[in-house]
């Protein structure tokens, strides 16, 4: 099962692509690096840890 790559930060609506610096929790809530740092890398939805989202070189179909 692959990660769902969301295209916007759930906090500030900044656009994200597959190469963007972003963080996710185990439920795949997605936040930009700046918002994640402001939230001390804790997901506001589940209180889980936010970790760096891996990058993809290109979209895989």
Protein backbone atom coordinates (compact mmCIF):
# COMPACT_ATOMS: atom_id res chain seq x y z
CA UNK A 1 0.00 0.00 0.00
CA UNK A 2 1.47 3.34 -1.08
CA UNK A 3 1.31 6.64 0.77
CA UNK A 4 -1.35 9.08 -0.35
CA UNK A 5 0.55 12.20 -1.40
CA UNK A 6 -1.69 15.11 -0.48
CA UNK A 7 -1.19 18.31 -2.45
CA UNK A 8 -1.77 20.96 0.25
CA UNK A 9 -0.73 21.59 3.83
CA UNK A 10 -3.71 20.88 6.11
CA UNK A 11 -2.91 23.94 8.25
CA UNK A 12 -1.93 26.79 5.86
CA UNK A 13 -3.08 25.46 2.44
CA UNK A 14 0.41 25.81 0.93
CA UNK A 15 0.68 23.78 -2.28
CA UNK A 16 2.80 20.64 -2.04
CA UNK A 17 4.15 18.40 -4.76
CA UNK A 18 6.02 15.11 -4.57
CA UNK A 19 9.35 16.88 -4.06
CA UNK A 20 8.10 19.36 -1.43
CA UNK A 21 9.44 19.28 2.11
CA UNK A 22 6.46 17.99 4.09
CA UNK A 23 5.68 15.96 7.20
CA UNK A 24 3.07 13.28 7.82
CA UNK A 25 1.71 11.32 10.77
CA UNK A 26 0.79 7.62 10.76
CA UNK A 27 -2.70 8.58 9.48
CA UNK A 28 -1.11 10.51 6.57
CA UNK A 29 -2.20 13.95 7.80
CA UNK A 30 0.09 16.23 5.81
CA UNK A 31 1.70 19.54 6.78
CA UNK A 32 4.40 21.72 5.25
CA UNK A 33 7.78 21.81 6.98
CA UNK A 34 7.14 25.29 8.43
CA UNK A 35 3.78 24.41 10.02
CA UNK A 36 5.17 21.10 11.30
CA UNK A 37 7.98 22.92 13.08
CA UNK A 38 5.55 25.44 14.60
CA UNK A 39 3.47 22.52 15.92
CA UNK A 40 6.66 20.94 17.34
CA UNK A 41 6.21 17.97 14.97
CA UNK A 42 3.02 16.81 16.75
CA UNK A 43 -0.09 16.19 14.63
CA UNK A 44 -2.99 18.35 15.86
CA UNK A 45 -5.50 15.74 14.64
CA UNK A 46 -4.23 12.58 16.36
CA UNK A 47 -1.40 13.91 18.60
CA UNK A 48 0.97 11.51 16.83
CA UNK A 49 4.50 12.29 15.69
CA UNK A 50 5.00 14.16 12.43
CA UNK A 51 7.91 12.79 10.41
CA UNK A 52 9.52 13.85 7.14
CA UNK A 53 7.54 12.60 4.15
CA UNK A 54 9.65 10.70 1.61
CA UNK A 55 9.98 12.30 -1.82
CA UNK A 56 9.13 10.70 -5.14
CA UNK A 57 11.01 11.43 -8.34
CA UNK A 58 7.87 11.33 -10.48
CA UNK A 59 4.28 10.20 -10.24
CA UNK A 60 3.87 6.45 -10.52
CA UNK A 61 0.68 5.28 -12.19
